[in-house]
Amino acid sequence: MRVSAYAAPSAGQPLAPTTIERREVGAHDVLIAIEYAGICHSDIHTVNGDWGPQPFPVVPGHEIVGTVTEVGAEVTRHRVGDRVGVGCMVGSCGECDSCRNGDEQYCARGMIGTYAVTDRDGTTTQGGYSTHIVVDADFVLTVPEGLDPAAAAPLLCAGITMYAPLRRWGAGPGTRVAIVGLGGLGHMGVKIAHALGAEVTVLSQSLKKQEDGLRLGADHYFATSDPDTFEALAGSFDLIVNTVSAAIDVNSYLGLLAVDGTLVNVGAPPEPLPVNAMSLIGGRRSFAGSMIGGIALTQEMLDFCAEHGIVSEVELIAADQVNEAYERVLASDVRYRFVIDASTLA
């Protein structure tokens, strides 16, 4: 099955229209007619070669919402006509401890990413900037009724990336949570942490998005460019989630944690982040990392967002605007997530 798509032909080159081949629908597969595909900063890192050589041409996109148009003979969880989602994974070994524990993202043999990795049949996976995709049914999520499908697409990456650490480290009533950065990830973190019942603070470079942050659910908003911020907030937080994919002074942020507090990195800067051991020892603090969530947790997140009316703040674009959108993401000129209308690919 050949379908229309947008692909990066080589590292750093503009994405261009193309056609790609999707595999036949197997017994355990689902064919999805894609309606919307979110643009994640990871897409840009990948096609620019920031994370190493890639198997070009690459069709990015791992925030996918669409409708089931065909199911394999042994599929029981999804039916033709269902609205479904696909996130950052389309497969894993299913046998290792992580997979058996519902943490497929940490598969010992390596999860199968939605694009730019080797699939189970030896081909290269291609992502959601396309009209259709075939996915193992076990990695297809149900998008609950009531969620706007375009605004729900970023939940499949940005939403679960923030939900996973907030749930893992116990964000809820009586906890003090700080979100570093108010971008595509950060704005979802604010919404989710607020819905979980935590006291939420945004730590942003400046105050230019303060009105947005408070509207989205933050209780407090501080500028990290002001050195007084770190003095005023010392020892204030139980959990800090850093969404920034650039170098930060980790030790300064660790100083904002209370005793037993944790700083979790979900942003993935290309350079190392030095940590002074005393920044940890002095308050029994922890510095951790987190990467999306397993399939069961992702479904839990979607259901939670439906219950609380949470979706991403999005700007809907046509497929031929993708290169401009990439430039605007790099310039921090989006509030807060671009989503491609896949009907413009046809």
Protein backbone atom coordinates (compact mmCIF):
# COMPACT_ATOMS: atom_id res chain seq x y z
CA MET A 1 0.00 0.00 0.00
CA ARG A 2 1.55 3.28 -1.11
CA VAL A 3 0.49 6.41 0.76
CA SER A 4 1.27 10.12 0.62
CA ALA A 5 3.72 11.51 3.18
CA TYR A 6 6.20 14.28 3.96
CA ALA A 7 9.79 13.16 4.44
CA ALA A 8 13.22 14.59 5.16
CA PRO A 9 15.46 13.38 2.28
CA SER A 10 18.70 13.88 4.21
CA ALA A 11 20.05 15.54 7.36
CA GLY A 12 19.16 19.22 7.60
CA GLN A 13 17.22 19.27 4.34
CA PRO A 14 13.65 20.59 4.07
CA LEU A 15 10.87 18.04 4.24
CA ALA A 16 9.19 17.35 0.91
CA PRO A 17 6.12 15.45 -0.33
CA THR A 18 6.69 11.83 -1.25
CA THR A 19 5.02 8.43 -1.19
CA ILE A 20 5.94 5.54 1.08
CA GLU A 21 4.94 1.92 1.32
CA ARG A 22 2.99 0.56 4.28
CA ARG A 23 3.02 -3.16 5.02
CA GLU A 24 -0.01 -5.33 4.53
CA VAL A 25 -2.32 -5.61 7.53
CA GLY A 26 -1.29 -8.72 9.46
CA ALA A 27 -3.36 -10.74 11.87
CA HIS A 28 -2.40 -8.51 14.83
CA ASP A 29 -2.29 -5.20 12.95
CA VAL A 30 -4.50 -2.14 12.67
CA LEU A 31 -4.65 0.14 9.62
CA ILE A 32 -5.26 3.75 10.63
CA ALA A 33 -6.32 6.60 8.40
CA ILE A 34 -4.39 9.46 10.00
CA GLU A 35 -6.33 12.63 10.75
CA TYR A 36 -3.78 14.63 12.73
CA ALA A 37 -0.05 14.43 13.47
CA GLY A 38 1.65 16.62 16.04
CA ILE A 39 5.08 18.15 15.51
CA CYS A 40 7.50 17.32 18.34
CA HIS A 41 10.92 18.87 18.86
CA SER A 42 12.24 15.31 18.67
CA ASP A 43 11.16 15.25 15.03
CA ILE A 44 13.39 18.23 14.35
CA HIS A 45 16.35 16.78 16.26
CA THR A 46 16.01 13.58 14.24
CA VAL A 47 15.80 15.07 10.77
CA ASN A 48 18.61 17.51 11.54
CA GLY A 49 20.87 14.65 12.60
CA ASP A 50 21.29 16.10 16.10
CA TRP A 51 20.98 12.60 17.59
CA GLY A 52 23.32 10.88 15.18
CA PRO A 53 22.99 9.37 11.68
CA GLN A 54 19.46 8.47 10.57
CA PRO A 55 18.11 6.08 7.91
CA PHE A 56 17.01 8.76 5.46
CA PRO A 57 14.57 9.43 3.97
CA VAL A 58 12.69 9.86 7.27
CA VAL A 59 8.98 10.51 7.71
CA PRO A 60 8.71 11.93 11.25
CA GLY A 61 5.68 12.06 13.51
CA HIS A 62 4.84 10.18 16.71
CA GLU A 63 1.78 12.11 17.90
CA ILE A 64 -0.86 10.46 15.73
CA VAL A 65 -4.65 10.48 15.90
CA GLY A 66 -6.81 8.79 13.29
CA THR A 67 -9.58 6.35 12.53
CA VAL A 68 -9.34 2.57 12.21
CA THR A 69 -10.12 1.45 8.64
CA GLU A 70 -9.05 -2.20 8.82
CA VAL A 71 -8.13 -4.70 11.54
CA GLY A 72 -6.33 -8.03 11.40
CA ALA A 73 -8.12 -11.30 11.96
CA GLU A 74 -6.94 -11.66 15.56
CA VAL A 75 -7.50 -8.05 16.69
CA THR A 76 -10.21 -7.69 19.34
CA ARG A 77 -9.40 -4.39 21.08
CA HIS A 78 -10.10 -2.09 18.14
CA ARG A 79 -12.81 -1.97 15.48
CA VAL A 80 -13.25 -0.22 12.16
CA GLY A 81 -14.43 3.32 12.84
CA ASP A 82 -12.75 3.68 16.25
CA ARG A 83 -10.78 6.86 16.88
CA VAL A 84 -7.33 5.82 18.02
CA GLY A 85 -3.87 7.16 18.69
CA VAL A 86 -0.27 6.10 18.19
CA GLY A 87 2.60 7.55 20.18
CA CYS A 88 6.35 7.09 20.21
CA MET A 89 6.35 3.27 20.05
CA VAL A 90 4.98 0.74 17.59
CA GLY A 91 6.56 -2.38 19.10
CA SER A 92 8.84 -4.01 21.67
CA CYS A 93 10.07 -7.50 22.49
CA GLY A 94 7.19 -8.20 24.88
CA GLU A 95 9.34 -10.64 26.85
CA CYS A 96 11.87 -8.71 28.96
CA ASP A 97 11.20 -7.52 32.52
CA SER A 98 10.41 -3.98 31.37
CA CYS A 99 7.87 -5.15 28.80
CA ARG A 100 6.22 -7.54 31.25
CA ASN A 101 6.02 -4.69 33.78
CA GLY A 102 4.30 -2.38 31.31
CA ASP A 103 7.38 -0.27 30.66
CA GLU A 104 7.76 -1.05 26.97
CA GLN A 105 9.64 2.22 26.48
CA TYR A 106 12.55 0.67 28.40
CA CYS A 107 12.51 -2.63 26.49
CA ALA A 108 15.81 -4.44 27.05
CA ARG A 109 16.07 -5.18 23.34
CA GLY A 110 15.08 -1.64 22.41
CA MET A 111 11.58 -0.41 21.78
CA ILE A 112 10.54 -0.02 18.13
CA GLY A 113 10.13 3.69 17.59
CA THR A 114 7.37 5.04 15.38
CA TYR A 115 9.90 6.31 12.87
CA ALA A 116 13.57 5.97 11.86
CA VAL A 117 14.24 2.54 13.43
CA THR A 118 14.20 -1.03 12.16
CA ASP A 119 10.75 -2.62 12.37
CA ARG A 120 10.03 -6.28 13.09
CA ASP A 121 10.01 -7.08 9.35
CA GLY A 122 13.40 -5.49 8.73
CA THR A 123 12.04 -2.33 7.13
CA THR A 124 12.49 1.19 8.52
CA THR A 125 9.54 2.61 10.44
CA GLN A 126 8.01 5.77 9.02
CA GLY A 127 5.91 8.10 11.11
CA GLY A 128 2.73 10.10 11.17
CA TYR A 129 3.35 12.81 8.59
CA SER A 130 1.41 10.56 6.22
CA THR A 131 -2.13 9.59 5.34
CA HIS A 132 -2.09 6.03 6.74
CA ILE A 133 -0.09 3.83 9.09
CA VAL A 134 -0.15 0.12 9.99
CA VAL A 135 0.57 -0.61 13.65
CA ASP A 136 0.59 -3.66 15.94
CA ALA A 137 -2.74 -3.51 17.77
CA ASP A 138 -1.04 -3.73 21.17
CA PHE A 139 0.52 -0.31 20.53
CA VAL A 140 -2.68 1.42 19.43
CA LEU A 141 -4.42 3.61 22.02
CA THR A 142 -8.10 4.45 22.35
CA VAL A 143 -8.77 8.18 22.11
CA PRO A 144 -11.73 8.83 24.42
CA GLU A 145 -14.81 10.60 23.15
CA GLY A 146 -14.91 14.24 24.13
CA LEU A 147 -11.26 14.95 23.34
CA ASP A 148 -10.80 17.20 20.33
CA PRO A 149 -8.77 14.93 18.01
CA ALA A 150 -6.40 17.63 16.74
CA ALA A 151 -5.65 18.93 20.22
CA ALA A 152 -5.38 15.38 21.56
CA ALA A 153 -2.60 14.38 19.15
CA PRO A 154 0.23 15.93 21.23
CA LEU A 155 -0.95 13.96 24.26
CA LEU A 156 0.61 10.89 22.61
CA CYS A 157 4.09 12.32 23.30
CA ALA A 158 4.01 15.61 25.19
CA GLY A 159 1.14 14.47 27.39
CA ILE A 160 2.61 11.13 28.44
CA THR A 161 6.11 12.59 28.74
CA MET A 162 4.79 14.84 31.51
CA TYR A 163 2.19 12.52 33.01
CA ALA A 164 4.70 9.71 33.58
CA PRO A 165 7.06 11.56 35.97
CA LEU A 166 4.24 13.41 37.69
CA ARG A 167 2.56 10.08 38.49
CA ARG A 168 5.83 8.26 39.25
CA TRP A 169 6.98 10.83 41.80
CA GLY A 170 3.59 11.35 43.40
CA ALA A 171 2.40 14.77 42.29
CA GLY A 172 -0.92 15.43 44.00
CA PRO A 173 -2.60 17.29 46.84
CA GLY A 174 -0.06 18.62 49.32
CA THR A 175 2.89 18.40 46.92
CA ARG A 176 4.79 21.36 45.49
CA VAL A 177 5.69 20.89 41.85
CA ALA A 178 7.77 23.13 39.59
CA ILE A 179 7.78 22.90 35.80
CA VAL A 180 10.90 24.28 34.11
CA GLY A 181 9.99 25.80 30.76
CA LEU A 182 6.56 26.63 29.36
CA GLY A 183 6.70 25.15 25.88
CA GLY A 184 5.10 22.16 24.21
CA LEU A 185 6.01 19.89 27.13
CA GLY A 186 5.83 22.42 29.92
CA HIS A 187 2.32 23.66 29.22
CA MET A 188 1.07 20.06 29.36
CA GLY A 189 2.93 19.58 32.64
CA VAL A 190 1.19 22.58 34.15
CA LYS A 191 -2.25 21.36 33.10
CA ILE A 192 -1.69 17.81 34.31
CA ALA A 193 -0.01 18.73 37.61
CA HIS A 194 -2.83 21.15 38.36
CA ALA A 195 -5.45 18.48 37.60
CA LEU A 196 -3.61 16.06 39.89
CA GLY A 197 -4.05 18.57 42.70
CA ALA A 198 -0.47 19.77 43.16
CA GLU A 199 0.61 23.33 43.90
CA VAL A 200 2.22 24.28 40.59
CA THR A 201 5.00 26.77 39.88
CA VAL A 202 6.40 27.63 36.46
CA LEU A 203 10.10 28.43 36.24
CA SER A 204 10.69 30.15 32.91
CA GLN A 205 13.53 32.22 31.48
CA SER A 206 11.34 35.31 31.50
CA LEU A 207 7.87 36.45 32.53
CA LYS A 208 6.57 36.87 28.96
CA LYS A 209 4.31 33.79 29.23
CA GLN A 210 3.21 34.47 32.81
CA GLU A 211 -0.39 35.19 31.85
CA ASP A 212 -0.55 31.93 29.91
CA GLY A 213 1.01 29.95 32.72
CA LEU A 214 -1.50 31.16 35.28
CA ARG A 215 -4.38 30.59 32.86
CA LEU A 216 -3.23 27.01 32.26
CA GLY A 217 -3.27 26.22 35.97
CA ALA A 218 -0.02 27.44 37.55
CA ASP A 219 -0.27 28.93 41.02
CA HIS A 220 3.02 30.81 40.76
CA TYR A 221 5.37 31.94 37.98
CA PHE A 222 9.00 33.01 38.33
CA ALA A 223 11.72 34.14 35.93
CA THR A 224 14.92 32.09 36.19
CA SER A 225 16.88 34.94 34.59
CA ASP A 226 16.39 36.80 37.88
CA PRO A 227 19.07 35.56 40.33
CA ASP A 228 16.78 36.44 43.25
CA THR A 229 14.44 33.63 42.13
CA PHE A 230 16.88 30.93 43.22
CA GLU A 231 17.42 32.56 46.60
CA ALA A 232 13.72 33.16 47.21
CA LEU A 233 12.68 29.62 46.27
CA ALA A 234 15.50 27.65 47.89
CA GLY A 235 14.19 24.39 49.37
CA SER A 236 10.65 24.99 48.07
CA PHE A 237 9.74 22.00 45.90
CA ASP A 238 9.08 18.31 46.29
CA LEU A 239 9.38 17.71 42.55
CA ILE A 240 10.84 19.68 39.66
CA VAL A 241 10.32 18.49 36.08
CA ASN A 242 12.77 20.06 33.63
CA THR A 243 11.41 20.18 30.08
CA VAL A 244 14.25 22.22 28.57
CA SER A 245 16.42 20.53 25.94
CA ALA A 246 19.32 22.86 26.53
CA ALA A 247 22.00 23.16 29.18
CA ILE A 248 20.87 24.39 32.60
CA ASP A 249 22.74 24.83 35.87
CA VAL A 250 21.51 21.61 37.45
CA ASN A 251 23.02 22.45 40.82
CA SER A 252 21.05 25.69 41.07
CA TYR A 253 17.82 23.82 40.41
CA LEU A 254 18.71 21.06 42.87
CA GLY A 255 18.99 23.83 45.46
CA LEU A 256 15.31 24.57 44.95
CA LEU A 257 14.33 21.11 46.20
CA ALA A 258 13.21 20.33 49.72
CA VAL A 259 14.77 17.41 51.57
CA ASP A 260 14.00 14.19 49.66
CA GLY A 261 12.97 16.20 46.60
CA THR A 262 13.62 15.06 43.05
CA LEU A 263 14.64 16.89 39.88
CA VAL A 264 13.50 14.92 36.81
CA ASN A 265 14.85 15.65 33.36
CA VAL A 266 12.55 14.99 30.42
CA GLY A 267 14.33 17.45 28.13
CA ALA A 268 17.23 15.88 26.25
CA PRO A 269 20.08 18.37 25.76
CA PRO A 270 22.91 17.15 23.52
CA GLU A 271 25.61 18.09 26.02
CA PRO A 272 26.27 16.60 29.51
CA LEU A 273 24.77 18.26 32.58
CA PRO A 274 27.41 18.44 35.36
CA VAL A 275 26.20 17.66 38.88
CA ASN A 276 28.01 18.48 42.11
CA ALA A 277 27.59 15.53 44.49
CA MET A 278 27.06 17.91 47.40
CA SER A 279 23.97 19.29 45.67
CA LEU A 280 22.46 15.83 46.18
CA ILE A 281 24.02 14.82 49.47
CA GLY A 282 23.12 18.06 51.25
CA GLY A 283 19.39 17.41 51.08
CA ARG A 284 19.08 13.71 50.26
CA ARG A 285 17.94 14.93 46.86
CA SER A 286 17.68 12.94 43.65
CA PHE A 287 18.40 13.76 40.01
CA ALA A 288 16.45 11.49 37.68
CA GLY A 289 15.31 11.07 34.09
CA SER A 290 12.08 9.91 32.50
CA MET A 291 11.08 8.91 28.97
CA ILE A 292 7.40 8.79 27.92
CA GLY A 293 5.45 5.89 29.47
CA GLY A 294 4.26 2.39 28.72
CA ILE A 295 1.12 1.62 26.76
CA ALA A 296 -1.07 1.05 29.83
CA LEU A 297 0.09 4.30 31.43
CA THR A 298 -0.46 6.18 28.16
CA GLN A 299 -4.05 4.92 28.04
CA GLU A 300 -4.45 5.95 31.68
CA MET A 301 -3.19 9.41 30.74
CA LEU A 302 -5.65 9.72 27.84
CA ASP A 303 -8.53 8.70 30.09
CA PHE A 304 -7.36 11.13 32.79
CA CYS A 305 -7.17 13.96 30.26
CA ALA A 306 -10.66 13.16 28.99
CA GLU A 307 -11.99 13.18 32.55
CA HIS A 308 -10.42 16.57 33.26
CA GLY A 309 -10.90 18.18 29.85
CA ILE A 310 -7.16 18.42 29.16
CA VAL A 311 -5.79 18.80 25.64
CA SER A 312 -2.82 20.59 24.13
CA GLU A 313 -2.92 24.19 22.98
CA VAL A 314 -2.39 23.77 19.24
CA GLU A 315 -2.00 25.58 15.96
CA LEU A 316 -3.36 23.52 13.08
CA ILE A 317 -1.34 23.66 9.85
CA ALA A 318 -1.38 22.19 6.37
CA ALA A 319 1.33 19.71 5.44
CA ASP A 320 3.07 22.17 3.12
CA GLN A 321 3.67 24.47 6.11
CA VAL A 322 5.80 21.91 7.96
CA ASN A 323 9.17 23.49 7.17
CA GLU A 324 7.97 26.90 8.29
CA ALA A 325 6.61 25.27 11.44
CA TYR A 326 10.03 23.73 12.15
CA GLU A 327 11.64 27.16 11.90
CA ARG A 328 9.05 28.61 14.24
CA VAL A 329 9.56 25.82 16.79
CA LEU A 330 13.29 26.54 16.80
CA ALA A 331 12.48 30.23 17.31
CA SER A 332 10.06 29.38 20.18
CA ASP A 333 7.29 30.95 18.09
CA VAL A 334 4.45 28.55 18.83
CA ARG A 335 1.90 28.36 21.62
CA TYR A 336 2.20 25.52 22.14
CA ARG A 337 2.18 22.71 19.61
CA PHE A 338 1.85 22.52 15.84
CA VAL A 339 -0.45 19.82 14.49
CA ILE A 340 -0.59 18.78 10.84
CA ASP A 341 -4.00 18.27 9.26
CA ALA A 342 -3.33 15.00 7.45
CA SER A 343 -6.17 15.60 5.01
CA THR A 344 -3.88 18.15 3.33
CA LEU A 345 -1.51 15.31 2.37
CA ALA A 346 -4.02 13.59 0.10
